[in-house]
Protein backbone atom coordinates (compact mmCIF):
# COMPACT_ATOMS: atom_id res chain seq x y z
CA MET A 1 0.65 51.12 169.46
CA ALA A 2 2.14 52.01 166.10
CA ALA A 3 5.23 54.18 166.10
CA PRO A 4 4.58 57.78 165.04
CA THR A 5 6.10 59.23 161.90
CA ALA A 6 9.46 60.96 161.84
CA SER A 7 7.83 64.33 161.09
CA LEU A 8 5.62 64.06 164.14
CA ASP A 9 8.67 63.06 166.17
CA ALA A 10 10.44 66.21 165.05
CA SER A 11 7.43 68.45 165.78
CA ARG A 12 6.83 67.19 169.28
CA GLN A 13 10.51 67.23 170.16
CA ARG A 14 10.88 70.82 169.01
CA ALA A 15 7.99 71.79 171.28
CA SER A 16 9.35 69.92 174.29
CA THR A 17 12.95 71.06 173.93
CA ILE A 18 12.04 74.72 173.38
CA ARG A 19 9.98 74.59 176.57
CA SER A 20 12.71 72.95 178.65
CA HIS A 21 15.64 75.02 177.37
CA ILE A 22 13.93 78.39 177.73
CA MET A 23 13.43 77.47 181.38
CA GLN A 24 17.09 76.46 181.67
CA GLY A 25 18.67 79.53 180.07
CA ASN A 26 20.16 80.87 183.31
CA ALA A 27 21.86 77.62 184.23
CA ASN A 28 23.20 77.15 180.71
CA ALA A 29 24.93 80.53 180.65
CA LEU A 30 26.36 79.87 184.10
CA LYS A 31 27.60 76.43 183.03
CA LEU A 32 29.52 77.78 180.04
CA ARG A 33 31.02 80.59 182.08
CA SER A 34 32.40 78.27 184.76
CA ARG A 35 33.65 75.72 182.23
CA THR A 36 35.54 78.10 179.96
CA ILE A 37 37.24 80.09 182.70
CA THR A 38 40.94 79.24 182.68
CA LEU A 39 42.05 78.53 186.21
CA PRO A 40 45.44 79.64 187.50
CA PRO A 41 48.02 76.84 187.70
CA LYS A 42 47.89 76.54 191.48
CA PRO A 43 47.97 73.19 193.28
CA ARG A 44 44.76 71.63 194.52
CA VAL A 45 42.49 73.95 192.56
CA VAL A 46 39.56 71.73 191.68
CA GLY A 47 37.14 74.03 189.93
CA THR A 48 35.21 77.27 189.82
CA ASN A 49 32.50 77.50 192.47
CA VAL A 50 29.06 77.81 190.89
CA ILE A 51 27.81 80.27 193.52
CA SER A 52 30.82 82.57 193.11
CA VAL A 53 30.41 82.59 189.33
CA LEU A 54 26.69 83.31 189.74
CA ARG A 55 27.39 86.26 192.01
CA GLN A 56 30.13 87.58 189.74
CA VAL A 57 27.91 87.52 186.65
CA VAL A 58 24.99 89.20 188.44
CA ARG A 59 27.27 91.81 189.99
CA THR A 60 29.04 92.76 186.75
CA GLU A 61 26.26 92.30 184.18
CA GLY A 62 23.01 92.04 186.10
CA TRP A 63 20.44 89.27 185.75
CA ARG A 64 20.45 89.65 181.98
CA GLY A 65 23.98 88.26 181.97
CA LEU A 66 22.59 84.89 183.04
CA LEU A 67 20.53 84.75 179.86
CA ARG A 68 23.45 85.54 177.55
CA GLY A 69 23.31 83.20 174.56
CA ASN A 70 19.99 81.62 175.51
CA THR A 71 18.28 82.56 172.24
CA LEU A 72 21.02 80.77 170.34
CA ASN A 73 20.72 77.89 172.76
CA VAL A 74 17.04 77.47 171.89
CA LEU A 75 17.75 77.81 168.16
CA ARG A 76 20.43 75.14 168.49
CA ILE A 77 18.72 72.65 170.76
CA ALA A 78 15.33 72.56 169.03
CA PRO A 79 16.57 71.17 165.68
CA THR A 80 19.22 69.08 167.42
CA LYS A 81 16.73 67.23 169.58
CA ALA A 82 14.18 67.08 166.79
CA VAL A 83 16.67 65.16 164.65
CA GLU A 84 17.83 63.03 167.59
CA LEU A 85 14.36 61.91 168.66
CA ALA A 86 13.17 61.34 165.10
CA VAL A 87 16.18 59.09 164.44
CA TRP A 88 15.77 57.33 167.80
CA GLU A 89 12.06 56.61 167.28
CA LYS A 90 12.71 55.47 163.72
CA PHE A 91 15.42 53.14 164.98
CA ARG A 92 13.14 51.70 167.67
CA SER A 93 10.26 51.21 165.25
CA SER A 94 12.59 49.38 162.85
CA LYS A 95 13.01 46.73 165.54
CA GLY A 96 9.30 45.93 165.54
CA GLY A 97 8.56 47.43 168.93
CA ARG A 98 10.48 44.75 170.84
CA THR A 99 12.81 45.46 173.74
CA LEU A 100 16.17 46.65 172.45
CA THR A 101 19.36 44.79 173.27
CA PRO A 102 22.16 46.66 175.09
CA ARG A 103 24.16 46.84 171.86
CA GLU A 104 21.19 48.25 169.96
CA ARG A 105 20.66 50.92 172.61
CA VAL A 106 24.31 51.97 172.34
CA VAL A 107 24.28 52.07 168.53
CA GLY A 108 20.90 53.80 168.21
CA GLY A 109 21.55 56.40 170.90
CA SER A 110 25.04 57.21 169.63
CA PHE A 111 23.97 57.59 166.01
CA ALA A 112 20.97 59.74 166.91
CA SER A 113 23.05 62.12 169.03
CA MET A 114 25.88 62.39 166.51
CA LEU A 115 23.53 63.18 163.63
CA GLY A 116 21.58 65.76 165.61
CA THR A 117 24.74 67.48 166.85
CA ALA A 118 26.42 67.55 163.44
CA VAL A 119 23.52 69.56 162.02
CA THR A 120 23.82 72.43 164.49
CA HIS A 121 27.50 72.57 165.50
CA PRO A 122 28.15 76.00 163.89
CA ILE A 123 25.32 77.50 165.96
CA ASP A 124 26.82 75.89 169.05
CA THR A 125 30.20 77.49 168.35
CA VAL A 126 28.66 80.96 167.97
CA ARG A 127 26.57 80.40 171.09
CA THR A 128 29.66 79.54 173.13
CA ARG A 129 31.49 82.67 171.97
CA ALA A 130 28.43 84.88 172.62
CA THR A 131 27.81 83.38 176.06
CA ILE A 132 31.30 84.15 177.34
CA GLY A 133 31.32 87.49 175.49
CA GLN A 134 34.67 86.92 173.81
CA GLY A 135 35.91 88.95 170.84
CA GLY A 136 32.56 90.44 169.90
CA GLY A 137 30.47 90.94 173.02
CA ALA A 138 27.12 89.20 173.25
CA ASP A 139 25.99 89.92 169.68
CA PRO A 140 25.82 86.55 167.83
CA TRP A 141 25.84 88.20 164.39
CA ARG A 142 29.03 90.04 165.23
CA HIS A 143 30.59 86.75 166.30
CA CYS A 144 29.56 85.22 162.99
CA LEU A 145 31.31 88.02 161.11
CA VAL A 146 34.41 87.84 163.30
CA ILE A 147 34.69 84.08 162.88
CA ALA A 148 34.12 84.27 159.12
CA ARG A 149 36.69 87.04 158.62
CA THR A 150 39.44 85.82 160.94
CA GLU A 151 39.07 82.03 160.83
CA GLY A 152 37.01 81.22 157.77
CA VAL A 153 34.41 78.47 157.51
CA LYS A 154 36.53 76.08 159.56
CA GLY A 155 36.20 78.45 162.51
CA PHE A 156 32.52 77.54 162.81
CA PHE A 157 33.52 73.89 163.16
CA ARG A 158 36.12 74.40 165.87
CA GLY A 159 35.69 71.56 168.35
CA PHE A 160 33.60 69.52 165.89
CA VAL A 161 35.52 66.26 166.35
CA PRO A 162 35.50 66.32 170.17
CA ASN A 163 31.84 67.30 170.02
CA LEU A 164 31.01 64.16 168.03
CA VAL A 165 33.24 62.09 170.31
CA ARG A 166 31.38 63.55 173.28
CA VAL A 167 27.83 63.06 172.03
CA ALA A 168 28.39 59.47 170.90
CA PRO A 169 28.80 58.08 174.45
CA TYR A 170 26.38 60.72 175.75
CA GLY A 171 23.66 59.50 173.42
CA ALA A 172 24.42 55.88 174.22
CA VAL A 173 24.10 56.49 177.97
CA ASN A 174 21.24 59.00 177.81
CA TYR A 175 18.93 57.13 175.46
CA GLY A 176 20.03 53.72 176.67
CA ALA A 177 19.53 54.51 180.36
CA TYR A 178 16.17 56.16 179.75
CA ASP A 179 14.96 53.20 177.70
CA ILE A 180 16.12 50.75 180.36
CA LEU A 181 14.49 52.69 183.21
CA GLN A 182 11.23 53.28 181.36
CA THR A 183 10.97 49.71 180.04
CA GLY A 184 11.81 48.27 183.44
CA TYR A 185 9.17 50.42 185.11
CA LYS A 186 6.53 49.34 182.59
CA LYS A 187 7.39 45.68 183.20
CA PHE A 188 7.24 46.23 186.96
CA ARG A 189 3.77 47.75 186.75
CA LYS A 190 2.58 44.91 184.53
CA PHE A 191 4.09 42.30 186.86
CA THR A 192 2.38 43.83 189.91
CA GLY A 193 -0.96 44.10 188.12
CA GLN A 194 -0.98 47.89 187.94
CA PRO A 195 -2.43 49.80 184.95
CA PRO A 196 -0.06 51.31 182.37
CA ALA A 197 1.75 54.41 183.58
CA ASN A 198 0.35 57.81 182.64
CA PRO A 199 2.66 59.56 180.13
CA ALA A 200 2.12 62.75 182.12
CA GLY A 201 3.32 61.06 185.30
CA LEU A 202 6.41 62.35 187.03
CA GLU A 203 8.12 58.98 186.58
CA ASN A 204 9.22 59.95 183.07
CA ALA A 205 10.71 63.16 184.44
CA LEU A 206 12.62 61.12 187.01
CA TRP A 207 13.98 58.68 184.41
CA GLY A 208 14.93 61.60 182.16
CA GLY A 209 16.76 63.45 184.92
CA LEU A 210 18.67 60.34 186.00
CA SER A 211 19.68 59.38 182.47
CA GLY A 212 20.79 62.94 181.69
CA ALA A 213 22.90 63.12 184.85
CA MET A 214 24.57 59.78 184.13
CA ALA A 215 25.34 60.74 180.54
CA GLN A 216 26.84 64.11 181.47
CA THR A 217 29.01 62.60 184.19
CA VAL A 218 30.51 60.12 181.73
CA VAL A 219 31.36 62.63 178.99
CA TYR A 220 32.04 65.78 181.00
CA PRO A 221 35.86 65.88 180.58
CA ILE A 222 35.48 65.66 176.80
CA GLU A 223 32.81 68.35 176.78
CA MET A 224 34.98 70.64 178.90
CA LEU A 225 37.84 70.36 176.38
CA GLN A 226 35.46 70.88 173.47
CA ARG A 227 34.06 74.09 174.99
CA ARG A 228 37.54 75.44 175.52
CA MET A 229 38.36 74.76 171.89
CA GLN A 230 35.21 76.57 170.76
CA ALA A 231 35.98 79.52 173.03
CA SER A 232 39.56 79.73 171.76
CA THR A 233 40.18 81.99 168.76
CA GLY A 234 43.70 80.75 168.22
CA GLN A 235 45.35 77.43 167.59
CA GLY A 236 46.53 76.83 171.15
CA ILE A 237 44.03 74.11 172.08
CA SER A 238 43.75 70.85 170.16
CA PHE A 239 41.77 67.71 170.79
CA GLY A 240 43.23 64.40 171.84
CA VAL A 241 44.67 62.40 174.71
CA ALA A 242 47.81 64.55 174.63
CA SER A 243 45.74 67.70 175.12
CA LEU A 244 43.93 66.19 178.10
CA ARG A 245 47.24 65.13 179.65
CA GLU A 246 48.73 68.58 179.14
CA LEU A 247 45.66 70.19 180.68
CA VAL A 248 45.80 67.90 183.71
CA ALA A 249 49.53 68.49 184.14
CA ARG A 250 49.05 72.26 184.01
CA GLU A 251 45.87 72.68 186.07
CA GLY A 252 45.36 69.41 187.94
CA VAL A 253 42.92 66.51 187.62
CA GLY A 254 40.10 68.60 189.05
CA VAL A 255 40.06 70.78 185.93
CA LEU A 256 38.39 67.93 184.03
CA TYR A 257 35.29 68.49 186.14
CA THR A 258 35.37 72.27 186.40
CA GLY A 259 31.80 73.55 186.45
CA LEU A 260 30.25 70.11 186.98
CA SER A 261 27.87 71.37 189.66
CA SER A 262 26.51 74.10 187.38
CA ASN A 263 26.29 71.48 184.63
CA TYR A 264 24.05 69.34 186.85
CA ALA A 265 21.98 72.43 187.60
CA LYS A 266 21.14 72.60 183.90
CA THR A 267 21.28 68.97 182.79
CA ILE A 268 19.03 67.30 185.34
CA PRO A 269 15.99 69.63 185.15
CA ALA A 270 16.41 70.14 181.39
CA ALA A 271 16.53 66.40 180.72
CA ALA A 272 13.63 65.77 183.11
CA ILE A 273 11.43 68.46 181.54
CA GLY A 274 12.47 67.50 178.01
CA TRP A 275 11.70 63.78 178.35
CA TRP A 276 8.49 64.40 180.29
CA SER A 277 7.11 66.92 177.78
CA TYR A 278 8.21 64.67 174.92
CA GLU A 279 6.23 61.72 176.31
CA VAL A 280 3.17 63.92 176.90
CA ILE A 281 3.20 65.38 173.38
CA LYS A 282 3.98 61.95 171.92
CA ASP A 283 0.94 60.45 173.61
CA MET A 284 -1.28 63.32 172.43
CA LEU A 285 -0.19 62.93 168.80
CA GLU A 286 -0.54 59.16 168.89
CA GLU A 287 -4.08 59.51 170.21
CA LYS A 288 -4.84 62.03 167.47
CA GLU A 289 -3.49 59.66 164.81
CA LYS A 290 -5.54 56.82 166.23
CA ASN A 291 -8.75 58.86 166.20
CA GLN A 292 -8.19 59.93 162.59
CA LYS A 293 -7.98 56.34 161.36
């Protein structure tokens, strides 16, 4: 089957990611809250409990507090994933439809994620500030004005370098693992004489959830530091090995995985829904293209 065009890739990915991230708004707000909370420097503190954060947010702000920043999340993730999937499909089609090598999966996935993230990083910074309600409440436009007046243009790109460093391995693991799982499953069905898998089957959701969980586990410490940089309005947090060491020395090794459980609560279903809906829409558009020829 011929690879679809980049514009169709972007359209179907926007549809699938908007659907999945609207459904995951609560978990996303909770994830950012638990990750950006600065823990007291007590020994053996390993993280902020997801249930306690959930109760605290509901008690102080009501259920609407769980949706803080979700509109910005949708506005950010739709173009991000549209670019990512368009680049990924273009990369795969450039290889003639053959099975990608491990190196090609790493390169293609990393490049796709880095390009998609670079496009929307300023929105991500504003979303982080609005979600935690720092220095401007929950109003994203007020945060834009505050950042522009107090920090200038560079304030919108706070955490940009660690974000790219984070998404490079994330994309490599996420896209690479999904491609391996999906390709392996197709080969297994062919080997056992079974018909091709239905794009609407839950297998794609399973592969998507697994690949998303693996990718987040690998890059979580970098993402945690990046979020803290974005949430910070001063110059106290910088990116690098020295910053990670200082953070571990001050708050313990467990701080690198603060909020991981709430991260899984968002990542796994979001990745599963996103990949599943992407495959469904992809199949529909490919069938439409085929019928028009």
